[in-house]
Amino acid sequence: MFPAPQLNDMTELVAAAKKVASARHPVSFSGAGLSAESGIATFRDKNDNALWSKFNPAELASQDGFKANPELVIDWYNARRQTAAAAQPNAAHTTLGARKGWIHITQNVDTLLEAGGVSPENVLHLHGTLDEDHCNNQCGYSSKVNMLAPEGLKHCPRCDAYLRPSVVWFGEQLPENVFNQALHAVQQCDLLLVVGTSAQVMPAAGLIDIARENGAHIIVVNKENTPKTHSEDTVLIGSAATVLPQLFTS
């Protein structure tokens, strides 16, 4: 468990809660920290559980890596799928799930927001999801995956190319339709709640700047400050599962 948020004082939390409550077009933007307390390993932490601490990203999340060793890539993703399938939404997910009228933009490839009560049509998965495969030859074939018991490396039934996870790999573009919806959401929002992200992965992290440029107030909930934080933003330090329930009940 993470320690309680190291807020300057309760005044800051109460002020942030009032901004959240009064927002007419609120949007959340989340990263790996949202799911960390559900047991989903983060990518950039320096601890032994971080996903990139044990593997080379180029070998696991790129076309070159997939071509070189497709079995390794699929086995690694299938292990992640089983972990995600066994995970339960934490208090941060369920807190967001109880909100009505919110749009949720996420870099996470799990579906814990939906498991926490968020309607699937209100979640924009910028980096795809683990629960689907598609043809690596882009013939148009896709299929759902049994996350509890995912199969090994498979061929596309249409064109015989390999199937791959429907997630965005290094060097690939974000899904255009999803990104355009996210762009529209941050252009229209009056509050952007940034949760559990280092805000280093572009172009996704650029959505924070766009929201700010369009007049939205930014509230950051993270274990530490991020490079994207500006002096006018509200920053609440702590884990998402600790801070978000407080933010919506203060």
C-alpha atoms as a PDB file:
ATOM      1  CA  MET A   1       0.000   0.000   0.000  1.00  0.00           C
ATOM      2  CA  PHE A   2       1.105   3.527  -0.750  1.00  0.00           C
ATOM      3  CA  PRO A   3       1.129   6.162   2.012  1.00  0.00           C
ATOM      4  CA  ALA A   4      -1.655   8.717   2.277  1.00  0.00           C
ATOM      5  CA  PRO A   5      -1.312  11.690  -0.093  1.00  0.00           C
ATOM      6  CA  GLN A   6       1.156  14.287   1.098  1.00  0.00           C
ATOM      7  CA  LEU A   7      -1.135  17.238   0.573  1.00  0.00           C
ATOM      8  CA  ASN A   8      -0.120  20.707   1.717  1.00  0.00           C
ATOM      9  CA  ASP A   9      -3.334  20.901   3.740  1.00  0.00           C
ATOM     10  CA  MET A  10      -6.987  19.902   3.516  1.00  0.00           C
ATOM     11  CA  THR A  11      -7.774  23.282   1.980  1.00  0.00           C
ATOM     12  CA  GLU A  12      -6.086  22.200  -1.227  1.00  0.00           C
ATOM     13  CA  LEU A  13      -8.061  18.966  -1.401  1.00  0.00           C
ATOM     14  CA  VAL A  14     -11.363  20.706  -0.657  1.00  0.00           C
ATOM     15  CA  ALA A  15     -10.671  23.339  -3.319  1.00  0.00           C
ATOM     16  CA  ALA A  16      -9.898  20.630  -5.851  1.00  0.00           C
ATOM     17  CA  ALA A  17     -13.063  18.741  -4.898  1.00  0.00           C
ATOM     18  CA  LYS A  18     -15.138  21.877  -5.510  1.00  0.00           C
ATOM     19  CA  LYS A  19     -13.635  22.246  -8.980  1.00  0.00           C
ATOM     20  CA  VAL A  20     -14.468  18.626  -9.737  1.00  0.00           C
ATOM     21  CA  ALA A  21     -18.030  18.996  -8.462  1.00  0.00           C
ATOM     22  CA  SER A  22     -18.674  22.159 -10.468  1.00  0.00           C
ATOM     23  CA  ALA A  23     -17.182  20.915 -13.754  1.00  0.00           C
ATOM     24  CA  ARG A  24     -19.706  20.747 -16.579  1.00  0.00           C
ATOM     25  CA  HIS A  25     -17.546  18.835 -19.056  1.00  0.00           C
ATOM     26  CA  PRO A  26     -15.063  16.777 -17.004  1.00  0.00           C
ATOM     27  CA  VAL A  27     -12.584  14.373 -18.565  1.00  0.00           C
ATOM     28  CA  SER A  28     -10.074  11.994 -16.982  1.00  0.00           C
ATOM     29  CA  PHE A  29      -6.730  11.091 -18.527  1.00  0.00           C
ATOM     30  CA  SER A  30      -5.100   8.072 -16.937  1.00  0.00           C
ATOM     31  CA  GLY A  31      -1.921   6.034 -17.071  1.00  0.00           C
ATOM     32  CA  ALA A  32      -0.426   2.981 -15.424  1.00  0.00           C
ATOM     33  CA  GLY A  33      -0.646   4.436 -11.906  1.00  0.00           C
ATOM     34  CA  LEU A  34      -4.421   4.113 -12.045  1.00  0.00           C
ATOM     35  CA  SER A  35      -4.139   0.318 -12.124  1.00  0.00           C
ATOM     36  CA  ALA A  36      -0.991  -0.142 -10.039  1.00  0.00           C
ATOM     37  CA  GLU A  37      -2.869  -1.087  -6.864  1.00  0.00           C
ATOM     38  CA  SER A  38      -4.804  -3.706  -8.796  1.00  0.00           C
ATOM     39  CA  GLY A  39      -1.529  -5.532  -9.363  1.00  0.00           C
ATOM     40  CA  ILE A  40      -0.943  -4.366 -12.933  1.00  0.00           C
ATOM     41  CA  ALA A  41       2.785  -3.706 -13.327  1.00  0.00           C
ATOM     42  CA  THR A  42       3.790  -0.237 -14.486  1.00  0.00           C
ATOM     43  CA  PHE A  43       6.243   0.401 -17.294  1.00  0.00           C
ATOM     44  CA  ARG A  44       8.573   3.006 -15.908  1.00  0.00           C
ATOM     45  CA  ASP A  45       8.880   2.292 -12.215  1.00  0.00           C
ATOM     46  CA  LYS A  46      12.359   1.340 -11.086  1.00  0.00           C
ATOM     47  CA  ASN A  47      11.193  -1.593  -8.963  1.00  0.00           C
ATOM     48  CA  ASP A  48      11.463  -5.255  -9.923  1.00  0.00           C
ATOM     49  CA  ASN A  49       7.789  -5.428 -10.918  1.00  0.00           C
ATOM     50  CA  ALA A  50       8.073  -2.802 -13.644  1.00  0.00           C
ATOM     51  CA  LEU A  51       7.377  -4.330 -17.033  1.00  0.00           C
ATOM     52  CA  TRP A  52      10.470  -2.947 -18.711  1.00  0.00           C
ATOM     53  CA  SER A  53      12.804  -3.888 -15.843  1.00  0.00           C
ATOM     54  CA  LYS A  54      12.941  -7.504 -16.992  1.00  0.00           C
ATOM     55  CA  PHE A  55      12.647  -7.212 -20.774  1.00  0.00           C
ATOM     56  CA  ASN A  56      13.860  -5.055 -23.621  1.00  0.00           C
ATOM     57  CA  PRO A  57      10.890  -3.064 -24.984  1.00  0.00           C
ATOM     58  CA  ALA A  58      12.215  -3.420 -28.533  1.00  0.00           C
ATOM     59  CA  GLU A  59      11.877  -7.193 -28.209  1.00  0.00           C
ATOM     60  CA  LEU A  60       8.310  -7.119 -26.976  1.00  0.00           C
ATOM     61  CA  ALA A  61       6.427  -4.107 -28.293  1.00  0.00           C
ATOM     62  CA  SER A  62       7.609  -3.469 -31.839  1.00  0.00           C
ATOM     63  CA  GLN A  63       7.237  -4.925 -35.290  1.00  0.00           C
ATOM     64  CA  ASP A  64      10.943  -5.761 -35.391  1.00  0.00           C
ATOM     65  CA  GLY A  65      10.685  -7.685 -32.147  1.00  0.00           C
ATOM     66  CA  PHE A  66       7.586  -9.546 -33.319  1.00  0.00           C
ATOM     67  CA  LYS A  67       9.243 -10.532 -36.575  1.00  0.00           C
ATOM     68  CA  ALA A  68      12.368 -11.717 -34.738  1.00  0.00           C
ATOM     69  CA  ASN A  69      10.606 -13.775 -32.060  1.00  0.00           C
ATOM     70  CA  PRO A  70       6.811 -13.844 -32.359  1.00  0.00           C
ATOM     71  CA  GLU A  71       6.455 -16.670 -29.838  1.00  0.00           C
ATOM     72  CA  LEU A  72       8.249 -14.684 -27.121  1.00  0.00           C
ATOM     73  CA  VAL A  73       6.099 -11.632 -27.756  1.00  0.00           C
ATOM     74  CA  ILE A  74       2.837 -13.576 -27.648  1.00  0.00           C
ATOM     75  CA  ASP A  75       3.882 -15.509 -24.544  1.00  0.00           C
ATOM     76  CA  TRP A  76       4.720 -12.236 -22.769  1.00  0.00           C
ATOM     77  CA  TYR A  77       1.423 -10.636 -23.752  1.00  0.00           C
ATOM     78  CA  ASN A  78      -0.499 -13.741 -22.731  1.00  0.00           C
ATOM     79  CA  ALA A  79       1.101 -13.564 -19.289  1.00  0.00           C
ATOM     80  CA  ARG A  80      -0.013  -9.942 -19.068  1.00  0.00           C
ATOM     81  CA  ARG A  81      -3.504 -10.945 -20.175  1.00  0.00           C
ATOM     82  CA  GLN A  82      -3.813 -13.521 -17.425  1.00  0.00           C
ATOM     83  CA  THR A  83      -2.605 -11.002 -14.851  1.00  0.00           C
ATOM     84  CA  ALA A  84      -5.123  -8.444 -16.091  1.00  0.00           C
ATOM     85  CA  ALA A  85      -7.934 -11.026 -16.118  1.00  0.00           C
ATOM     86  CA  ALA A  86      -7.250 -11.888 -12.489  1.00  0.00           C
ATOM     87  CA  ALA A  87      -7.022  -8.250 -11.396  1.00  0.00           C
ATOM     88  CA  GLN A  88      -9.866  -6.463  -9.655  1.00  0.00           C
ATOM     89  CA  PRO A  89     -10.697  -2.772 -10.050  1.00  0.00           C
ATOM     90  CA  ASN A  90      -9.363  -0.729  -7.152  1.00  0.00           C
ATOM     91  CA  ALA A  91     -10.935   2.234  -5.377  1.00  0.00           C
ATOM     92  CA  ALA A  92      -9.741   4.617  -8.085  1.00  0.00           C
ATOM     93  CA  HIS A  93     -11.530   2.664 -10.822  1.00  0.00           C
ATOM     94  CA  THR A  94     -14.751   2.329  -8.860  1.00  0.00           C
ATOM     95  CA  THR A  95     -14.688   5.992  -7.863  1.00  0.00           C
ATOM     96  CA  LEU A  96     -14.460   7.002 -11.518  1.00  0.00           C
ATOM     97  CA  GLY A  97     -17.034   4.351 -12.370  1.00  0.00           C
ATOM     98  CA  ALA A  98     -19.554   6.033 -10.075  1.00  0.00           C
ATOM     99  CA  ARG A  99     -19.259   9.333 -11.930  1.00  0.00           C
ATOM    100  CA  LYS A 100     -21.873  10.183 -14.541  1.00  0.00           C
ATOM    101  CA  GLY A 101     -21.191  12.289 -17.599  1.00  0.00           C
ATOM    102  CA  TRP A 102     -17.414  11.805 -17.620  1.00  0.00           C
ATOM    103  CA  ILE A 103     -15.255  10.854 -20.592  1.00  0.00           C
ATOM    104  CA  HIS A 104     -12.247   8.712 -19.667  1.00  0.00           C
ATOM    105  CA  ILE A 105      -9.152   8.785 -21.850  1.00  0.00           C
ATOM    106  CA  THR A 106      -6.651   6.116 -20.873  1.00  0.00           C
ATOM    107  CA  GLN A 107      -3.253   4.862 -21.928  1.00  0.00           C
ATOM    108  CA  ASN A 108      -3.906   1.586 -20.110  1.00  0.00           C
ATOM    109  CA  VAL A 109      -4.524  -1.561 -22.107  1.00  0.00           C
ATOM    110  CA  ASP A 110      -6.447  -3.293 -19.312  1.00  0.00           C
ATOM    111  CA  THR A 111     -10.203  -2.849 -19.060  1.00  0.00           C
ATOM    112  CA  LEU A 112     -10.387  -2.147 -15.328  1.00  0.00           C
ATOM    113  CA  LEU A 113     -12.200   1.151 -15.839  1.00  0.00           C
ATOM    114  CA  GLU A 114     -15.037  -0.775 -17.440  1.00  0.00           C
ATOM    115  CA  ALA A 115     -14.858  -3.414 -14.693  1.00  0.00           C
ATOM    116  CA  GLY A 116     -15.081  -0.573 -12.176  1.00  0.00           C
ATOM    117  CA  GLY A 117     -18.395   0.614 -13.585  1.00  0.00           C
ATOM    118  CA  VAL A 118     -17.499   2.992 -16.418  1.00  0.00           C
ATOM    119  CA  SER A 119     -19.677   2.516 -19.487  1.00  0.00           C
ATOM    120  CA  PRO A 120     -17.488   1.191 -22.351  1.00  0.00           C
ATOM    121  CA  GLU A 121     -18.669   3.936 -24.713  1.00  0.00           C
ATOM    122  CA  ASN A 122     -17.210   6.523 -22.317  1.00  0.00           C
ATOM    123  CA  VAL A 123     -13.701   4.989 -22.338  1.00  0.00           C
ATOM    124  CA  LEU A 124     -11.170   5.924 -25.016  1.00  0.00           C
ATOM    125  CA  HIS A 125      -8.289   3.433 -25.105  1.00  0.00           C
ATOM    126  CA  LEU A 126      -5.476   5.356 -26.773  1.00  0.00           C
ATOM    127  CA  HIS A 127      -3.109   2.378 -26.803  1.00  0.00           C
ATOM    128  CA  GLY A 128      -5.637  -0.371 -27.528  1.00  0.00           C
ATOM    129  CA  THR A 129      -6.610  -3.252 -25.260  1.00  0.00           C
ATOM    130  CA  LEU A 130      -5.267  -6.671 -24.368  1.00  0.00           C
ATOM    131  CA  ASP A 131      -8.568  -8.470 -24.903  1.00  0.00           C
ATOM    132  CA  GLU A 132      -8.400  -8.500 -28.687  1.00  0.00           C
ATOM    133  CA  ASP A 133      -6.094  -9.756 -31.456  1.00  0.00           C
ATOM    134  CA  HIS A 134      -5.898  -8.567 -35.027  1.00  0.00           C
ATOM    135  CA  CYS A 135      -4.082  -9.585 -38.182  1.00  0.00           C
ATOM    136  CA  ASN A 136      -0.527  -8.269 -38.332  1.00  0.00           C
ATOM    137  CA  ASN A 137      -0.916  -8.050 -42.104  1.00  0.00           C
ATOM    138  CA  GLN A 138      -3.846  -5.665 -41.598  1.00  0.00           C
ATOM    139  CA  CYS A 139      -6.283  -7.692 -43.661  1.00  0.00           C
ATOM    140  CA  GLY A 140      -9.075  -6.522 -41.363  1.00  0.00           C
ATOM    141  CA  TYR A 141      -9.539  -9.656 -39.278  1.00  0.00           C
ATOM    142  CA  SER A 142      -9.852  -9.322 -35.504  1.00  0.00           C
ATOM    143  CA  SER A 143     -11.090 -11.536 -32.702  1.00  0.00           C
ATOM    144  CA  LYS A 144     -11.665 -11.402 -28.963  1.00  0.00           C
ATOM    145  CA  VAL A 145      -9.242 -13.185 -26.649  1.00  0.00           C
ATOM    146  CA  ASN A 146     -10.017 -15.420 -23.698  1.00  0.00           C
ATOM    147  CA  MET A 147      -7.986 -13.456 -21.172  1.00  0.00           C
ATOM    148  CA  LEU A 148      -7.984 -16.225 -18.576  1.00  0.00           C
ATOM    149  CA  ALA A 149      -6.672 -18.832 -21.009  1.00  0.00           C
ATOM    150  CA  PRO A 150      -5.220 -17.070 -24.061  1.00  0.00           C
ATOM    151  CA  GLU A 151      -3.952 -19.236 -26.901  1.00  0.00           C
ATOM    152  CA  GLY A 152      -0.383 -19.164 -28.166  1.00  0.00           C
ATOM    153  CA  LEU A 153       0.829 -17.763 -31.464  1.00  0.00           C
ATOM    154  CA  LYS A 154      -1.916 -18.113 -34.090  1.00  0.00           C
ATOM    155  CA  HIS A 155      -2.325 -17.516 -37.807  1.00  0.00           C
ATOM    156  CA  CYS A 156      -4.988 -15.278 -39.299  1.00  0.00           C
ATOM    157  CA  PRO A 157      -7.810 -17.440 -40.744  1.00  0.00           C
ATOM    158  CA  ARG A 158      -8.155 -15.046 -43.681  1.00  0.00           C
ATOM    159  CA  CYS A 159      -4.605 -14.483 -44.899  1.00  0.00           C
ATOM    160  CA  ASP A 160      -2.404 -16.792 -42.764  1.00  0.00           C
ATOM    161  CA  ALA A 161      -0.323 -13.942 -41.322  1.00  0.00           C
ATOM    162  CA  TYR A 162       0.285 -13.986 -37.583  1.00  0.00           C
ATOM    163  CA  LEU A 163      -2.276 -12.547 -35.205  1.00  0.00           C
ATOM    164  CA  ARG A 164      -0.963  -9.961 -32.730  1.00  0.00           C
ATOM    165  CA  PRO A 165      -2.363  -8.121 -29.714  1.00  0.00           C
ATOM    166  CA  SER A 166      -4.514  -5.105 -30.546  1.00  0.00           C
ATOM    167  CA  VAL A 167      -2.250  -2.694 -28.702  1.00  0.00           C
ATOM    168  CA  VAL A 168      -0.098   0.140 -30.013  1.00  0.00           C
ATOM    169  CA  TRP A 169       3.566  -0.789 -30.349  1.00  0.00           C
ATOM    170  CA  PHE A 170       6.588   1.488 -30.481  1.00  0.00           C
ATOM    171  CA  GLY A 171       6.762   3.234 -33.842  1.00  0.00           C
ATOM    172  CA  GLU A 172       3.037   2.800 -34.534  1.00  0.00           C
ATOM    173  CA  GLN A 173       0.361   5.473 -34.777  1.00  0.00           C
ATOM    174  CA  LEU A 174      -2.427   5.757 -32.243  1.00  0.00           C
ATOM    175  CA  PRO A 175      -5.801   4.609 -33.620  1.00  0.00           C
ATOM    176  CA  GLU A 176      -6.966   7.657 -35.542  1.00  0.00           C
ATOM    177  CA  ASN A 177     -10.647   7.481 -34.604  1.00  0.00           C
ATOM    178  CA  VAL A 178      -9.918   7.078 -30.883  1.00  0.00           C
ATOM    179  CA  PHE A 179      -7.327   9.849 -30.852  1.00  0.00           C
ATOM    180  CA  ASN A 180      -9.683  12.230 -32.672  1.00  0.00           C
ATOM    181  CA  GLN A 181     -12.381  11.542 -30.083  1.00  0.00           C
ATOM    182  CA  ALA A 182      -9.877  12.186 -27.294  1.00  0.00           C
ATOM    183  CA  LEU A 183      -8.741  15.393 -28.969  1.00  0.00           C
ATOM    184  CA  HIS A 184     -12.325  16.613 -29.217  1.00  0.00           C
ATOM    185  CA  ALA A 185     -12.935  15.728 -25.561  1.00  0.00           C
ATOM    186  CA  VAL A 186      -9.968  17.710 -24.229  1.00  0.00           C
ATOM    187  CA  GLN A 187     -10.782  20.667 -26.470  1.00  0.00           C
ATOM    188  CA  GLN A 188     -14.278  20.820 -24.972  1.00  0.00           C
ATOM    189  CA  CYS A 189     -13.576  19.949 -21.341  1.00  0.00           C
ATOM    190  CA  ASP A 190     -13.452  22.481 -18.510  1.00  0.00           C
ATOM    191  CA  LEU A 191     -11.605  20.112 -16.146  1.00  0.00           C
ATOM    192  CA  LEU A 192      -9.016  17.450 -16.897  1.00  0.00           C
ATOM    193  CA  LEU A 193      -8.229  14.990 -14.115  1.00  0.00           C
ATOM    194  CA  VAL A 194      -4.785  13.518 -14.862  1.00  0.00           C
ATOM    195  CA  VAL A 195      -4.296  10.277 -12.921  1.00  0.00           C
ATOM    196  CA  GLY A 196      -1.245   8.062 -12.520  1.00  0.00           C
ATOM    197  CA  THR A 197       0.782   9.009 -15.563  1.00  0.00           C
ATOM    198  CA  SER A 198       4.315  10.275 -16.071  1.00  0.00           C
ATOM    199  CA  ALA A 199       2.996  12.330 -19.011  1.00  0.00           C
ATOM    200  CA  GLN A 200       6.036  11.416 -21.085  1.00  0.00           C
ATOM    201  CA  VAL A 201       4.526   9.337 -23.888  1.00  0.00           C
ATOM    202  CA  MET A 202       3.647  11.407 -26.927  1.00  0.00           C
ATOM    203  CA  PRO A 203       1.356  12.198 -28.616  1.00  0.00           C
ATOM    204  CA  ALA A 204      -0.965  11.097 -25.802  1.00  0.00           C
ATOM    205  CA  ALA A 205       0.648  13.382 -23.207  1.00  0.00           C
ATOM    206  CA  GLY A 206       0.113  16.354 -25.513  1.00  0.00           C
ATOM    207  CA  LEU A 207      -3.606  16.127 -24.781  1.00  0.00           C
ATOM    208  CA  ILE A 208      -2.892  17.664 -21.371  1.00  0.00           C
ATOM    209  CA  ASP A 209      -1.416  20.768 -22.990  1.00  0.00           C
ATOM    210  CA  ILE A 210      -4.341  21.026 -25.396  1.00  0.00           C
ATOM    211  CA  ALA A 211      -6.844  20.905 -22.528  1.00  0.00           C
ATOM    212  CA  ARG A 212      -4.939  23.615 -20.670  1.00  0.00           C
ATOM    213  CA  GLU A 213      -4.677  25.797 -23.787  1.00  0.00           C
ATOM    214  CA  ASN A 214      -8.445  25.568 -24.183  1.00  0.00           C
ATOM    215  CA  GLY A 215      -9.067  26.834 -20.659  1.00  0.00           C
ATOM    216  CA  ALA A 216      -9.515  23.595 -18.695  1.00  0.00           C
ATOM    217  CA  HIS A 217      -8.283  23.399 -15.136  1.00  0.00           C
ATOM    218  CA  ILE A 218      -5.811  20.536 -14.666  1.00  0.00           C
ATOM    219  CA  ILE A 219      -5.840  18.392 -11.519  1.00  0.00           C
ATOM    220  CA  VAL A 220      -2.938  15.953 -11.308  1.00  0.00           C
ATOM    221  CA  VAL A 221      -3.082  12.902  -9.040  1.00  0.00           C
ATOM    222  CA  ASN A 222       0.224  11.070  -9.013  1.00  0.00           C
ATOM    223  CA  LYS A 223       2.831   9.620  -6.671  1.00  0.00           C
ATOM    224  CA  GLU A 224       5.214  12.360  -7.771  1.00  0.00           C
ATOM    225  CA  ASN A 225       5.169  15.553  -9.778  1.00  0.00           C
ATOM    226  CA  THR A 226       5.437  15.282 -13.571  1.00  0.00           C
ATOM    227  CA  PRO A 227       7.165  17.390 -16.240  1.00  0.00           C
ATOM    228  CA  LYS A 228       3.754  18.372 -17.621  1.00  0.00           C
ATOM    229  CA  THR A 229       2.691  20.107 -14.412  1.00  0.00           C
ATOM    230  CA  HIS A 230       2.294  23.891 -14.548  1.00  0.00           C
ATOM    231  CA  SER A 231       2.146  26.323 -11.659  1.00  0.00           C
ATOM    232  CA  GLU A 232      -1.564  26.934 -12.186  1.00  0.00           C
ATOM    233  CA  ASP A 233      -2.418  23.229 -11.970  1.00  0.00           C
ATOM    234  CA  THR A 234      -3.625  21.507  -8.821  1.00  0.00           C
ATOM    235  CA  VAL A 235      -1.281  18.697  -7.810  1.00  0.00           C
ATOM    236  CA  LEU A 236      -2.333  16.034  -5.303  1.00  0.00           C
ATOM    237  CA  ILE A 237       0.499  13.674  -4.391  1.00  0.00           C
ATOM    238  CA  GLY A 238      -0.425  10.098  -3.546  1.00  0.00           C
ATOM    239  CA  SER A 239      -1.748   6.905  -5.070  1.00  0.00           C
ATOM    240  CA  ALA A 240      -4.845   7.066  -7.231  1.00  0.00           C
ATOM    241  CA  ALA A 241      -6.694   4.556  -5.042  1.00  0.00           C
ATOM    242  CA  THR A 242      -6.134   6.760  -1.995  1.00  0.00           C
ATOM    243  CA  VAL A 243      -6.617  10.229  -3.437  1.00  0.00           C
ATOM    244  CA  LEU A 244      -9.573   9.805  -5.802  1.00  0.00           C
ATOM    245  CA  PRO A 245     -12.085   8.631  -3.174  1.00  0.00           C
ATOM    246  CA  GLN A 246     -11.072  11.628  -1.030  1.00  0.00           C
ATOM    247  CA  LEU A 247     -11.330  13.990  -3.982  1.00  0.00           C
ATOM    248  CA  PHE A 248     -14.921  12.986  -4.695  1.00  0.00           C
ATOM    249  CA  THR A 249     -16.137  12.948  -1.094  1.00  0.00           C
ATOM    250  CA  SER A 250     -14.531  16.116   0.284  1.00  0.00           C
END
